[in-house]
C-alpha atoms as a PDB file:
ATOM      1  CA  MET A   1     -21.356 -10.616  -4.633  1.00  0.00           C
ATOM      2  CA  ILE A   2     -17.891  -9.347  -4.017  1.00  0.00           C
ATOM      3  CA  ALA A   3     -16.385 -10.569  -1.152  1.00  0.00           C
ATOM      4  CA  TYR A   4     -13.939  -8.019   1.927  1.00  0.00           C
ATOM      5  CA  ARG A   5     -12.742  -7.958   5.051  1.00  0.00           C
ATOM      6  CA  GLN A   6     -13.327  -5.294   7.613  1.00  0.00           C
ATOM      7  CA  SER A   7     -11.354  -3.300   9.932  1.00  0.00           C
ATOM      8  CA  GLY A   8     -12.482  -5.375  12.777  1.00  0.00           C
ATOM      9  CA  ASP A   9     -12.147  -8.745  11.201  1.00  0.00           C
ATOM     10  CA  SER A  10      -9.126 -10.488  13.240  1.00  0.00           C
ATOM     11  CA  PHE A  11      -6.927 -12.275  10.322  1.00  0.00           C
ATOM     12  CA  ILE A  12      -3.563 -10.725  10.916  1.00  0.00           C
ATOM     13  CA  PRO A  13      -1.448 -13.688  12.492  1.00  0.00           C
ATOM     14  CA  ALA A  14       0.177 -12.435  15.694  1.00  0.00           C
ATOM     15  CA  ARG A  15       3.133 -14.368  14.963  1.00  0.00           C
ATOM     16  CA  HIS A  16       3.960 -12.412  12.520  1.00  0.00           C
ATOM     17  CA  GLN A  17       4.120  -8.336  11.743  1.00  0.00           C
ATOM     18  CA  PRO A  18       2.879  -7.780  15.355  1.00  0.00           C
ATOM     19  CA  ALA A  19       5.705  -9.979  16.771  1.00  0.00           C
ATOM     20  CA  LEU A  20       8.019  -8.207  14.690  1.00  0.00           C
ATOM     21  CA  VAL A  21       6.754  -4.908  16.150  1.00  0.00           C
ATOM     22  CA  LEU A  22       6.873  -6.199  19.814  1.00  0.00           C
ATOM     23  CA  ASP A  23      10.485  -7.755  18.860  1.00  0.00           C
ATOM     24  CA  TYR A  24      11.515  -3.946  17.829  1.00  0.00           C
ATOM     25  CA  ALA A  25      10.332  -2.321  20.722  1.00  0.00           C
ATOM     26  CA  ARG A  26      12.252  -4.819  23.126  1.00  0.00           C
ATOM     27  CA  SER A  27      15.199  -3.711  21.491  1.00  0.00           C
ATOM     28  CA  ARG A  28      14.577  -0.193  22.214  1.00  0.00           C
ATOM     29  CA  GLU A  29      13.896  -1.013  25.907  1.00  0.00           C
ATOM     30  CA  LEU A  30      10.159  -0.634  25.914  1.00  0.00           C
ATOM     31  CA  ASP A  31       9.164  -3.610  27.429  1.00  0.00           C
ATOM     32  CA  GLU A  32       9.098  -1.996  30.830  1.00  0.00           C
ATOM     33  CA  ARG A  33       6.505   0.377  29.274  1.00  0.00           C
ATOM     34  CA  GLY A  34       4.229  -2.954  28.444  1.00  0.00           C
ATOM     35  CA  ASP A  35       0.657  -1.716  29.320  1.00  0.00           C
ATOM     36  CA  LEU A  36       1.252   1.421  27.456  1.00  0.00           C
ATOM     37  CA  VAL A  37       2.414  -0.126  24.399  1.00  0.00           C
ATOM     38  CA  LEU A  38       0.072  -2.788  24.493  1.00  0.00           C
ATOM     39  CA  ARG A  39      -3.193  -1.146  25.260  1.00  0.00           C
ATOM     40  CA  GLY A  40      -5.813  -1.623  22.969  1.00  0.00           C
ATOM     41  CA  THR A  41      -4.011  -4.272  20.725  1.00  0.00           C
ATOM     42  CA  GLY A  42      -5.344  -7.537  22.042  1.00  0.00           C
ATOM     43  CA  LEU A  43      -1.842  -8.585  22.884  1.00  0.00           C
ATOM     44  CA  HIS A  44      -1.649 -10.161  26.657  1.00  0.00           C
ATOM     45  CA  GLY A  45       1.714  -9.592  27.447  1.00  0.00           C
ATOM     46  CA  TRP A  46       5.269  -9.427  25.545  1.00  0.00           C
ATOM     47  CA  GLN A  47       5.637 -13.512  25.080  1.00  0.00           C
ATOM     48  CA  MET A  48       5.518 -15.095  21.963  1.00  0.00           C
ATOM     49  CA  PRO A  49       1.791 -15.055  21.134  1.00  0.00           C
ATOM     50  CA  ALA A  50      -0.169 -18.115  20.223  1.00  0.00           C
ATOM     51  CA  ALA A  51       0.191 -19.748  17.270  1.00  0.00           C
ATOM     52  CA  ASP A  52      -3.657 -19.250  16.320  1.00  0.00           C
ATOM     53  CA  SER A  53      -4.457 -15.583  17.719  1.00  0.00           C
ATOM     54  CA  ALA A  54      -4.624 -13.096  15.176  1.00  0.00           C
ATOM     55  CA  LEU A  55      -5.232  -9.237  15.271  1.00  0.00           C
ATOM     56  CA  THR A  56      -7.951  -6.930  13.751  1.00  0.00           C
ATOM     57  CA  PRO A  57      -6.133  -4.128  11.570  1.00  0.00           C
ATOM     58  CA  VAL A  58      -7.845  -1.992  14.320  1.00  0.00           C
ATOM     59  CA  GLN A  59      -5.265  -3.304  16.800  1.00  0.00           C
ATOM     60  CA  TYR A  60      -2.378  -3.711  14.551  1.00  0.00           C
ATOM     61  CA  LEU A  61      -2.621  -0.513  14.113  1.00  0.00           C
ATOM     62  CA  GLN A  62      -2.912   0.663  17.243  1.00  0.00           C
ATOM     63  CA  LEU A  63       0.180  -1.484  18.107  1.00  0.00           C
ATOM     64  CA  LEU A  64       2.423   0.756  15.663  1.00  0.00           C
ATOM     65  CA  SER A  65       0.782   3.994  17.301  1.00  0.00           C
ATOM     66  CA  ASN A  66       1.622   2.998  20.856  1.00  0.00           C
ATOM     67  CA  VAL A  67       5.271   1.948  19.893  1.00  0.00           C
ATOM     68  CA  THR A  68       5.846   4.901  17.252  1.00  0.00           C
ATOM     69  CA  ARG A  69       4.572   7.394  20.061  1.00  0.00           C
ATOM     70  CA  ALA A  70       6.632   5.657  23.060  1.00  0.00           C
ATOM     71  CA  LEU A  71       9.816   5.993  21.224  1.00  0.00           C
ATOM     72  CA  ASP A  72       9.186   8.842  19.412  1.00  0.00           C
ATOM     73  CA  SER A  73      12.027   9.154  17.264  1.00  0.00           C
ATOM     74  CA  PRO A  74      12.013  10.228  13.172  1.00  0.00           C
ATOM     75  CA  ASP A  75      13.385   6.713  11.907  1.00  0.00           C
ATOM     76  CA  THR A  76      10.493   4.241  13.772  1.00  0.00           C
ATOM     77  CA  SER A  77       8.757   3.285  10.724  1.00  0.00           C
ATOM     78  CA  PHE A  78      12.210   3.243   8.546  1.00  0.00           C
ATOM     79  CA  MET A  79      13.374   0.989  11.113  1.00  0.00           C
ATOM     80  CA  LEU A  80      10.597  -1.386  11.311  1.00  0.00           C
ATOM     81  CA  GLY A  81      10.275  -1.020   7.163  1.00  0.00           C
ATOM     82  CA  GLN A  82      14.133  -2.676   7.073  1.00  0.00           C
ATOM     83  CA  GLN A  83      12.760  -6.039   8.745  1.00  0.00           C
ATOM     84  CA  MET A  84       9.619  -6.317   7.360  1.00  0.00           C
ATOM     85  CA  LEU A  85      10.245  -8.213   4.245  1.00  0.00           C
ATOM     86  CA  PRO A  86      10.849 -10.956   3.507  1.00  0.00           C
ATOM     87  CA  GLY A  87       9.934 -11.716   6.872  1.00  0.00           C
ATOM     88  CA  HIS A  88       9.323 -14.936   8.522  1.00  0.00           C
ATOM     89  CA  TYR A  89       5.682 -15.055   7.341  1.00  0.00           C
ATOM     90  CA  GLY A  90       5.604 -18.988   5.865  1.00  0.00           C
ATOM     91  CA  ALA A  91       5.587 -19.827   2.295  1.00  0.00           C
ATOM     92  CA  LEU A  92       4.778 -16.891   1.142  1.00  0.00           C
ATOM     93  CA  SER A  93       7.910 -15.392   2.840  1.00  0.00           C
ATOM     94  CA  HIS A  94       9.959 -18.117   1.230  1.00  0.00           C
ATOM     95  CA  ALA A  95       8.267 -17.419  -2.163  1.00  0.00           C
ATOM     96  CA  LEU A  96      10.158 -13.943  -2.012  1.00  0.00           C
ATOM     97  CA  LEU A  97      13.578 -15.046  -1.029  1.00  0.00           C
ATOM     98  CA  GLN A  98      13.232 -17.248  -4.283  1.00  0.00           C
ATOM     99  CA  ALA A  99      12.057 -14.758  -6.753  1.00  0.00           C
ATOM    100  CA  GLN A 100      13.653 -14.660 -10.188  1.00  0.00           C
ATOM    101  CA  ASN A 101      13.707 -10.950 -10.189  1.00  0.00           C
ATOM    102  CA  LEU A 102      11.749  -7.890  -9.503  1.00  0.00           C
ATOM    103  CA  ARG A 103       8.881  -8.282 -11.265  1.00  0.00           C
ATOM    104  CA  GLN A 104       7.856 -11.947  -9.693  1.00  0.00           C
ATOM    105  CA  ALA A 105       8.890 -10.462  -6.062  1.00  0.00           C
ATOM    106  CA  LEU A 106       6.478  -7.903  -6.589  1.00  0.00           C
ATOM    107  CA  GLN A 107       3.712 -10.344  -8.187  1.00  0.00           C
ATOM    108  CA  ILE A 108       4.282 -11.937  -5.068  1.00  0.00           C
ATOM    109  CA  LEU A 109       3.949  -9.003  -2.698  1.00  0.00           C
ATOM    110  CA  SER A 110       0.518  -8.614  -4.679  1.00  0.00           C
ATOM    111  CA  ALA A 111      -0.838 -11.535  -4.308  1.00  0.00           C
ATOM    112  CA  GLY A 112       0.208 -12.159  -0.724  1.00  0.00           C
ATOM    113  CA  GLN A 113      -1.180  -8.523   0.333  1.00  0.00           C
ATOM    114  CA  ALA A 114      -2.935  -9.920   2.856  1.00  0.00           C
ATOM    115  CA  ARG A 115       0.089 -11.266   4.765  1.00  0.00           C
ATOM    116  CA  LEU A 116       2.600  -8.888   3.892  1.00  0.00           C
ATOM    117  CA  CYS A 117       1.882  -5.435   3.975  1.00  0.00           C
ATOM    118  CA  PRO A 118      -2.081  -6.080   5.193  1.00  0.00           C
ATOM    119  CA  LEU A 119      -2.899  -2.425   6.495  1.00  0.00           C
ATOM    120  CA  LEU A 120      -2.032  -1.045   2.599  1.00  0.00           C
ATOM    121  CA  THR A 121      -2.496  -2.238  -0.502  1.00  0.00           C
ATOM    122  CA  PRO A 122       0.542  -2.196  -3.278  1.00  0.00           C
ATOM    123  CA  ARG A 123      -0.053  -1.994  -6.776  1.00  0.00           C
ATOM    124  CA  LEU A 124       2.009  -2.361  -9.858  1.00  0.00           C
ATOM    125  CA  ARG A 125       1.370  -0.337 -13.498  1.00  0.00           C
ATOM    126  CA  GLU A 126       3.407  -0.495 -16.357  1.00  0.00           C
ATOM    127  CA  GLU A 127       2.897   1.663 -19.110  1.00  0.00           C
ATOM    128  CA  GLY A 128       4.933   4.748 -20.925  1.00  0.00           C
ATOM    129  CA  GLY A 129       8.172   4.212 -20.381  1.00  0.00           C
ATOM    130  CA  MET A 130       7.533   3.759 -16.691  1.00  0.00           C
ATOM    131  CA  ALA A 131       6.419   0.841 -13.892  1.00  0.00           C
ATOM    132  CA  VAL A 132       5.004   2.386 -11.071  1.00  0.00           C
ATOM    133  CA  LEU A 133       4.651   0.787  -7.905  1.00  0.00           C
ATOM    134  CA  TYR A 134       1.830   2.458  -5.808  1.00  0.00           C
ATOM    135  CA  TRP A 135       0.158   1.968  -2.238  1.00  0.00           C
ATOM    136  CA  THR A 136      -3.871   2.299  -0.959  1.00  0.00           C
ATOM    137  CA  ASP A 137      -4.995   2.589   1.934  1.00  0.00           C
ATOM    138  CA  SER A 138      -6.624  -0.690   2.856  1.00  0.00           C
ATOM    139  CA  PHE A 139      -8.575   0.173   6.199  1.00  0.00           C
ATOM    140  CA  GLY A 140      -8.848   3.208   6.666  1.00  0.00           C
ATOM    141  CA  ALA A 141      -5.980   4.701   8.705  1.00  0.00           C
ATOM    142  CA  PRO A 142      -5.661   8.588   7.210  1.00  0.00           C
ATOM    143  CA  SER A 143      -3.332   9.799  10.336  1.00  0.00           C
ATOM    144  CA  GLN A 144      -1.119   7.023  10.118  1.00  0.00           C
ATOM    145  CA  LEU A 145      -0.564   7.167   5.965  1.00  0.00           C
ATOM    146  CA  PRO A 146       2.544   8.713   6.132  1.00  0.00           C
ATOM    147  CA  ALA A 147       4.275   6.094   8.692  1.00  0.00           C
ATOM    148  CA  LEU A 148       2.789   3.140   7.133  1.00  0.00           C
ATOM    149  CA  VAL A 149       3.937   4.158   3.465  1.00  0.00           C
ATOM    150  CA  GLU A 150       7.490   5.173   5.017  1.00  0.00           C
ATOM    151  CA  MET A 151       7.592   1.307   6.154  1.00  0.00           C
ATOM    152  CA  HIS A 152       6.373  -0.239   3.202  1.00  0.00           C
ATOM    153  CA  MET A 153       8.624   1.781   0.735  1.00  0.00           C
ATOM    154  CA  THR A 154      11.411   1.041   2.750  1.00  0.00           C
ATOM    155  CA  ALA A 155      10.560  -2.491   3.057  1.00  0.00           C
ATOM    156  CA  VAL A 156       9.981  -2.902  -0.342  1.00  0.00           C
ATOM    157  CA  THR A 157      13.290  -0.830  -1.150  1.00  0.00           C
ATOM    158  CA  ALA A 158      15.743  -3.154   1.716  1.00  0.00           C
ATOM    159  CA  MET A 159      14.596  -6.506  -0.107  1.00  0.00           C
ATOM    160  CA  CYS A 160      14.889  -5.947  -3.420  1.00  0.00           C
ATOM    161  CA  ARG A 161      18.638  -4.569  -2.386  1.00  0.00           C
ATOM    162  CA  TRP A 162      19.073  -7.765  -0.727  1.00  0.00           C
ATOM    163  CA  LEU A 163      17.522 -10.161  -3.528  1.00  0.00           C
ATOM    164  CA  SER A 164      19.085  -8.158  -6.433  1.00  0.00           C
ATOM    165  CA  GLY A 165      22.609  -7.787  -5.153  1.00  0.00           C
ATOM    166  CA  GLU A 166      22.612  -4.435  -5.635  1.00  0.00           C
ATOM    167  CA  ARG A 167      20.245  -0.481  -5.035  1.00  0.00           C
ATOM    168  CA  LEU A 168      17.719  -0.553  -7.168  1.00  0.00           C
ATOM    169  CA  PRO A 169      17.408   3.153  -8.848  1.00  0.00           C
ATOM    170  CA  TRP A 170      14.042   3.897  -7.557  1.00  0.00           C
ATOM    171  CA  ARG A 171      12.155   7.301  -7.462  1.00  0.00           C
ATOM    172  CA  TYR A 172       9.937   8.116  -4.834  1.00  0.00           C
ATOM    173  CA  CYS A 173       6.728  10.159  -4.959  1.00  0.00           C
ATOM    174  CA  ILE A 174       5.128  10.841  -1.657  1.00  0.00           C
ATOM    175  CA  ASN A 175       1.321  11.748  -1.039  1.00  0.00           C
ATOM    176  CA  ARG A 176       2.626  14.339   1.190  1.00  0.00           C
ATOM    177  CA  SER A 177       4.218  17.925   2.027  1.00  0.00           C
ATOM    178  CA  ALA A 178       7.810  17.232   2.503  1.00  0.00           C
ATOM    179  CA  PRO A 179       9.329  17.112   6.474  1.00  0.00           C
ATOM    180  CA  ALA A 180      11.011  19.926   7.971  1.00  0.00           C
ATOM    181  CA  HIS A 181      14.118  16.528   7.875  1.00  0.00           C
ATOM    182  CA  ILE A 182      14.237  14.269   5.275  1.00  0.00           C
ATOM    183  CA  GLU A 183      17.122  12.495   6.449  1.00  0.00           C
ATOM    184  CA  GLN A 184      15.837   9.482   7.369  1.00  0.00           C
ATOM    185  CA  HIS A 185      14.137   9.162   3.795  1.00  0.00           C
ATOM    186  CA  GLN A 186      17.568  10.024   2.271  1.00  0.00           C
ATOM    187  CA  VAL A 187      19.436   7.652   4.200  1.00  0.00           C
ATOM    188  CA  HIS A 188      16.393   4.636   3.582  1.00  0.00           C
ATOM    189  CA  LEU A 189      15.207   5.430   0.861  1.00  0.00           C
ATOM    190  CA  GLY A 190      17.611   7.597  -1.355  1.00  0.00           C
ATOM    191  CA  SER A 191      17.901  11.019  -2.950  1.00  0.00           C
ATOM    192  CA  ASP A 192      15.377  10.960  -5.669  1.00  0.00           C
ATOM    193  CA  LEU A 193      12.544  12.307  -3.590  1.00  0.00           C
ATOM    194  CA  ARG A 194       9.247  14.159  -4.574  1.00  0.00           C
ATOM    195  CA  PHE A 195       7.056  15.443  -1.788  1.00  0.00           C
ATOM    196  CA  ASN A 196       3.262  16.436  -2.345  1.00  0.00           C
ATOM    197  CA  CYS A 197       2.498  14.220  -5.782  1.00  0.00           C
ATOM    198  CA  HIS A 198      -1.242  12.941  -4.676  1.00  0.00           C
ATOM    199  CA  LEU A 199      -0.186   9.281  -4.790  1.00  0.00           C
ATOM    200  CA  ASP A 200       2.398   7.240  -2.570  1.00  0.00           C
ATOM    201  CA  ALA A 201       4.374   5.308  -5.700  1.00  0.00           C
ATOM    202  CA  MET A 202       7.706   3.922  -6.467  1.00  0.00           C
ATOM    203  CA  LEU A 203       8.765   4.304 -10.059  1.00  0.00           C
ATOM    204  CA  ILE A 204      11.600   2.575 -11.744  1.00  0.00           C
ATOM    205  CA  ASN A 205      12.496   1.679 -15.566  1.00  0.00           C
ATOM    206  CA  PRO A 206      10.526  -1.533 -16.717  1.00  0.00           C
ATOM    207  CA  ALA A 207      14.269  -2.688 -17.611  1.00  0.00           C
ATOM    208  CA  TRP A 208      15.010  -3.454 -14.223  1.00  0.00           C
ATOM    209  CA  LEU A 209      11.220  -5.690 -13.687  1.00  0.00           C
ATOM    210  CA  ASP A 210      13.098  -9.094 -15.471  1.00  0.00           C
ATOM    211  CA  ARG A 211      16.296  -8.648 -14.373  1.00  0.00           C
ATOM    212  CA  PRO A 212      17.621 -11.466 -13.123  1.00  0.00           C
ATOM    213  CA  TRP A 213      18.586 -11.728  -9.442  1.00  0.00           C
ATOM    214  CA  PRO A 214      21.102 -14.032  -8.313  1.00  0.00           C
ATOM    215  CA  ARG A 215      18.906 -15.889  -5.257  1.00  0.00           C
ATOM    216  CA  GLY A 216      15.771 -16.233  -7.855  1.00  0.00           C
ATOM    217  CA  ASN A 217      14.782 -20.070  -8.280  1.00  0.00           C
ATOM    218  CA  GLY A 218      11.563 -19.919 -10.151  1.00  0.00           C
ATOM    219  CA  MET A 219      10.502 -23.673  -9.539  1.00  0.00           C
ATOM    220  CA  ALA A 220      11.150 -23.045  -5.992  1.00  0.00           C
ATOM    221  CA  ALA A 221       9.160 -19.903  -5.995  1.00  0.00           C
ATOM    222  CA  SER A 222       6.141 -21.122  -7.674  1.00  0.00           C
ATOM    223  CA  VAL A 223       6.230 -24.434  -5.186  1.00  0.00           C
ATOM    224  CA  ALA A 224       5.710 -21.802  -2.314  1.00  0.00           C
ATOM    225  CA  LEU A 225       3.397 -20.293  -3.753  1.00  0.00           C
ATOM    226  CA  HIS A 226       1.270 -23.441  -4.341  1.00  0.00           C
ATOM    227  CA  SER A 227       1.730 -24.014  -0.545  1.00  0.00           C
ATOM    228  CA  ALA A 228       0.943 -20.099   0.603  1.00  0.00           C
ATOM    229  CA  ALA A 229      -2.424 -20.611  -1.627  1.00  0.00           C
ATOM    230  CA  ASP A 230      -2.809 -23.927   0.674  1.00  0.00           C
ATOM    231  CA  GLU A 231      -2.046 -22.128   4.003  1.00  0.00           C
ATOM    232  CA  ALA A 232      -4.241 -19.167   3.641  1.00  0.00           C
ATOM    233  CA  GLY A 233      -7.377 -21.249   2.231  1.00  0.00           C
ATOM    234  CA  ALA A 234      -9.842 -19.201   0.394  1.00  0.00           C
ATOM    235  CA  GLU A 235     -11.175 -17.100   2.902  1.00  0.00           C
ATOM    236  CA  ALA A 236      -7.901 -15.448   3.311  1.00  0.00           C
ATOM    237  CA  LEU A 237      -8.344 -14.012   0.053  1.00  0.00           C
ATOM    238  CA  ALA A 238     -10.775 -11.763   0.174  1.00  0.00           C
ATOM    239  CA  PRO A 239      -9.605  -8.344   0.213  1.00  0.00           C
ATOM    240  CA  ALA A 240     -10.153  -5.168   3.163  1.00  0.00           C
ATOM    241  CA  LEU A 241     -13.352  -3.265   2.148  1.00  0.00           C
ATOM    242  CA  LEU A 242     -11.682  -0.095   0.577  1.00  0.00           C
ATOM    243  CA  THR A 243      -9.241  -2.574  -1.727  1.00  0.00           C
ATOM    244  CA  ALA A 244     -12.200  -3.977  -2.931  1.00  0.00           C
ATOM    245  CA  LEU A 245     -14.099  -1.048  -3.555  1.00  0.00           C
ATOM    246  CA  TYR A 246     -11.104   0.658  -5.350  1.00  0.00           C
ATOM    247  CA  ASP A 247     -11.005  -2.266  -7.375  1.00  0.00           C
ATOM    248  CA  TYR A 248     -14.336  -2.509  -8.493  1.00  0.00           C
ATOM    249  CA  LEU A 249     -14.566   1.518  -8.888  1.00  0.00           C
ATOM    250  CA  LEU A 250     -11.253   1.163 -11.145  1.00  0.00           C
ATOM    251  CA  ALA A 251     -12.294  -1.158 -13.082  1.00  0.00           C
ATOM    252  CA  ASN A 252     -15.911   0.710 -13.708  1.00  0.00           C
ATOM    253  CA  ILE A 253     -14.351   4.366 -13.632  1.00  0.00           C
ATOM    254  CA  ARG A 254     -16.023   4.444 -17.106  1.00  0.00           C
ATOM    255  CA  LEU A 255     -19.631   3.758 -16.556  1.00  0.00           C
ATOM    256  CA  GLY A 256     -19.926   5.887 -13.845  1.00  0.00           C
ATOM    257  CA  PRO A 257     -20.320   4.102 -10.432  1.00  0.00           C
ATOM    258  CA  THR A 258     -23.154   4.925  -7.999  1.00  0.00           C
ATOM    259  CA  LEU A 259     -23.318   4.188  -4.326  1.00  0.00           C
ATOM    260  CA  GLU A 260     -26.513   1.949  -5.237  1.00  0.00           C
ATOM    261  CA  GLY A 261     -25.125   0.348  -8.095  1.00  0.00           C
ATOM    262  CA  SER A 262     -21.967  -0.361  -5.830  1.00  0.00           C
ATOM    263  CA  ALA A 263     -23.789  -1.475  -3.211  1.00  0.00           C
ATOM    264  CA  ALA A 264     -25.705  -4.172  -5.391  1.00  0.00           C
ATOM    265  CA  ASP A 265     -22.802  -5.798  -6.462  1.00  0.00           C
ATOM    266  CA  PHE A 266     -21.241  -6.293  -3.330  1.00  0.00           C
ATOM    267  CA  GLY A 267     -24.391  -7.635  -1.947  1.00  0.00           C
ATOM    268  CA  ILE A 268     -25.174  -5.043   0.490  1.00  0.00           C
ATOM    269  CA  SER A 269     -27.448  -2.414   0.842  1.00  0.00           C
ATOM    270  CA  PRO A 270     -26.543   1.295  -0.188  1.00  0.00           C
ATOM    271  CA  ALA A 271     -27.039   2.026   3.551  1.00  0.00           C
ATOM    272  CA  THR A 272     -24.891  -0.852   4.904  1.00  0.00           C
ATOM    273  CA  LEU A 273     -22.289   0.490   2.454  1.00  0.00           C
ATOM    274  CA  LYS A 274     -21.698   3.647   3.825  1.00  0.00           C
ATOM    275  CA  ARG A 275     -21.755   2.335   7.703  1.00  0.00           C
ATOM    276  CA  HIS A 276     -18.829   0.247   7.045  1.00  0.00           C
ATOM    277  CA  LEU A 277     -17.124   3.153   4.598  1.00  0.00           C
ATOM    278  CA  ALA A 278     -18.094   5.552   8.050  1.00  0.00           C
ATOM    279  CA  ARG A 279     -16.205   2.800   9.849  1.00  0.00           C
ATOM    280  CA  HIS A 280     -12.974   3.168   8.168  1.00  0.00           C
ATOM    281  CA  GLY A 281     -13.387   6.655   8.159  1.00  0.00           C
ATOM    282  CA  SER A 282     -14.256   7.239   4.329  1.00  0.00           C
ATOM    283  CA  HIS A 283     -17.452   7.667   2.242  1.00  0.00           C
ATOM    284  CA  PHE A 284     -18.322   6.328  -1.094  1.00  0.00           C
ATOM    285  CA  GLN A 285     -17.729   9.968  -2.980  1.00  0.00           C
ATOM    286  CA  ALA A 286     -14.080  10.165  -1.216  1.00  0.00           C
ATOM    287  CA  GLU A 287     -13.384   6.827  -2.321  1.00  0.00           C
ATOM    288  CA  LEU A 288     -14.290   7.684  -5.701  1.00  0.00           C
ATOM    289  CA  ASP A 289     -12.958  10.357  -6.015  1.00  0.00           C
ATOM    290  CA  GLN A 290      -9.523   9.155  -5.605  1.00  0.00           C
ATOM    291  CA  VAL A 291      -9.587   6.625  -7.839  1.00  0.00           C
ATOM    292  CA  ARG A 292     -10.357   9.112 -10.188  1.00  0.00           C
ATOM    293  CA  ALA A 293      -7.712  11.058  -9.435  1.00  0.00           C
ATOM    294  CA  HIS A 294      -5.328   8.312  -9.816  1.00  0.00           C
ATOM    295  CA  VAL A 295      -6.674   7.658 -12.787  1.00  0.00           C
ATOM    296  CA  ALA A 296      -6.223  11.409 -14.076  1.00  0.00           C
ATOM    297  CA  ILE A 297      -2.422  11.097 -13.007  1.00  0.00           C
ATOM    298  CA  GLN A 298      -2.146   7.992 -14.890  1.00  0.00           C
ATOM    299  CA  LEU A 299      -3.499   9.032 -17.661  1.00  0.00           C
ATOM    300  CA  PHE A 300      -1.323  12.620 -18.036  1.00  0.00           C
ATOM    301  CA  GLN A 301       1.908  10.678 -16.843  1.00  0.00           C
ATOM    302  CA  MET A 302       1.770   7.752 -18.601  1.00  0.00           C
ATOM    303  CA  ARG A 303      -0.174   8.003 -21.432  1.00  0.00           C
ATOM    304  CA  GLY A 304       0.428  12.009 -22.282  1.00  0.00           C
ATOM    305  CA  TYR A 305      -3.490  13.184 -22.583  1.00  0.00           C
ATOM    306  CA  ASP A 306      -4.494  16.300 -22.135  1.00  0.00           C
ATOM    307  CA  ASN A 307      -7.653  17.823 -20.439  1.00  0.00           C
ATOM    308  CA  GLU A 308     -10.165  16.881 -22.820  1.00  0.00           C
ATOM    309  CA  ALA A 309      -8.798  13.550 -23.320  1.00  0.00           C
ATOM    310  CA  VAL A 310      -9.241  12.262 -19.821  1.00  0.00           C
ATOM    311  CA  ALA A 311     -12.267  14.275 -19.407  1.00  0.00           C
ATOM    312  CA  GLN A 312     -13.810  11.952 -22.255  1.00  0.00           C
ATOM    313  CA  TYR A 313     -12.142   9.028 -20.303  1.00  0.00           C
ATOM    314  CA  LEU A 314     -13.812   9.830 -17.005  1.00  0.00           C
ATOM    315  CA  GLY A 315     -17.222  10.667 -18.720  1.00  0.00           C
ATOM    316  CA  PHE A 316     -17.182  14.173 -17.902  1.00  0.00           C
ATOM    317  CA  HIS A 317     -19.803  16.214 -20.484  1.00  0.00           C
ATOM    318  CA  ASP A 318     -16.541  18.555 -20.962  1.00  0.00           C
ATOM    319  CA  ALA A 319     -13.329  19.774 -19.895  1.00  0.00           C
ATOM    320  CA  THR A 320     -14.249  22.775 -17.413  1.00  0.00           C
ATOM    321  CA  ASN A 321     -16.560  20.249 -15.836  1.00  0.00           C
ATOM    322  CA  PHE A 322     -13.538  17.918 -14.984  1.00  0.00           C
ATOM    323  CA  ARG A 323     -10.761  21.036 -14.299  1.00  0.00           C
ATOM    324  CA  ARG A 324     -12.970  21.362 -11.642  1.00  0.00           C
ATOM    325  CA  SER A 325     -13.593  18.605 -10.102  1.00  0.00           C
ATOM    326  CA  PHE A 326      -9.811  17.681 -10.544  1.00  0.00           C
ATOM    327  CA  LYS A 327      -9.068  20.995  -8.144  1.00  0.00           C
ATOM    328  CA  ARG A 328     -11.375  19.802  -5.568  1.00  0.00           C
ATOM    329  CA  TRP A 329      -9.898  16.028  -5.890  1.00  0.00           C
ATOM    330  CA  THR A 330      -5.941  17.328  -5.633  1.00  0.00           C
ATOM    331  CA  GLY A 331      -5.995  20.880  -4.785  1.00  0.00           C
ATOM    332  CA  LEU A 332      -5.023  22.005  -8.221  1.00  0.00           C
ATOM    333  CA  THR A 333      -5.599  22.335 -11.355  1.00  0.00           C
ATOM    334  CA  PRO A 334      -4.520  19.855 -13.951  1.00  0.00           C
ATOM    335  CA  SER A 335      -2.185  22.153 -15.935  1.00  0.00           C
ATOM    336  CA  LEU A 336      -0.510  22.905 -12.677  1.00  0.00           C
ATOM    337  CA  LEU A 337      -0.214  18.971 -11.813  1.00  0.00           C
ATOM    338  CA  ARG A 338       1.114  18.194 -15.519  1.00  0.00           C
ATOM    339  CA  ASP A 339       3.554  20.886 -15.182  1.00  0.00           C
ATOM    340  CA  GLY A 340       4.764  19.009 -11.610  1.00  0.00           C
ATOM    341  CA  LEU A 341       4.653  15.682 -13.233  1.00  0.00           C
ATOM    342  CA  LEU A 342       7.004  16.873 -16.394  1.00  0.00           C
ATOM    343  CA  SER A 343       9.517  17.451 -13.708  1.00  0.00           C
ATOM    344  CA  ILE A 344       9.389  13.655 -13.317  1.00  0.00           C
ATOM    345  CA  PRO A 345      12.054  12.459 -15.926  1.00  0.00           C
ATOM    346  CA  GLN A 346      10.462   9.335 -18.013  1.00  0.00           C
ATOM    347  CA  LEU A 347      12.338   6.443 -17.200  1.00  0.00           C
ATOM    348  CA  ILE A 348      13.738   5.666 -20.452  1.00  0.00           C
END
C-alpha cells in the first residue's frame, strides 16, 4: 500500500512558511485588513501561531492567494521566494545552511520537500550533459501554479547565490506564456528565460553540482538531516497524493499503468482514487498524460530520441499514435517541440 497525504490534511507548521507569509504581509501594512487576509486560512489573528498548530495545503494556498490579491503587486511571489530558503524550519534549514555543494542542497530540498516546499515537489534529473530541477504540483493548485513556480524558483536561486557566494548560471524554462512584463523575472531570476516550455524547470551544467561551497560542512549537514528525520517522524515522510501518484506512474510508465491497477497498489478502490483526484482538481488520465509528456520531453532533450524511439519507450504501437497523443498532451506536435528544445543550448 502506498502512503500519501491529501489537501485536507493538517501538516504544514503554521510557524514555518505561513508565518513568513504573514510577516511579509505585515511589512507591507496589510495587518489592518486582517479579516480579509486571514479568511479561510485557519489562522486567528496576526500573532505568532501556536507551536503545535498546522495548516492544510488548502489553507496555506488560501493564505497565499489572499496576500497576493490584497497586495496586487507583480513582485509578491518573487519577494516571498527571496525569504523562503533556507528559512527557519528547524533541522532541515540547518542542513541546507551546511550543504557542501549544489547537489547536496538539492538533495536536502527534495528529501525535506514536505517542510521546505510543501505545495510543489522538486525533482532532480542529471543526464545528457545537463542537470534539471523541475517541479510538479503536489496538491492541485492550477490557478496558483505560476505564482508558486516563481516563488520556488526565486527561493532556490537566492539560496544558491547566498550559500555558494556567486550567482549560478541557471537557465529557466517556464510552463506558461510570457507575461506582458517580465522585469520581475529578470530581476530575481536572470535574463536566461524561456516560456511555453511544458515543464517548470531550472537547468544548469552538472559541473556546478559538486563545486564546493564556502559555507559547506558535510558532517554538520549529515547530523542535521538525522535530526530532521527524528523531528518529522515516519508520518511526515508520506508524500502528497499527486506526488505519490506521479512517482508511481513514472516508475511504471513502460508497463501501461491503468486506473484499476494504480488504485489497487494504493490500497483503495478505483472509485475512491477518482474521488481523491477530483478533490485535487485532477483525474487519472490527466496525471498519466502529464507523466508521459514529461518523459517524452526528457527523452527528446536529454537522450536525443526520435519519435519512433519515444513511441516504443512509452508503449505506443506506432509513431503515428504517439504523435496524435503528444499533440493532445501539449498542444504541439513532437517535431515542433523538438525544434523548440533545440533552441535551448546543451549545457556543456
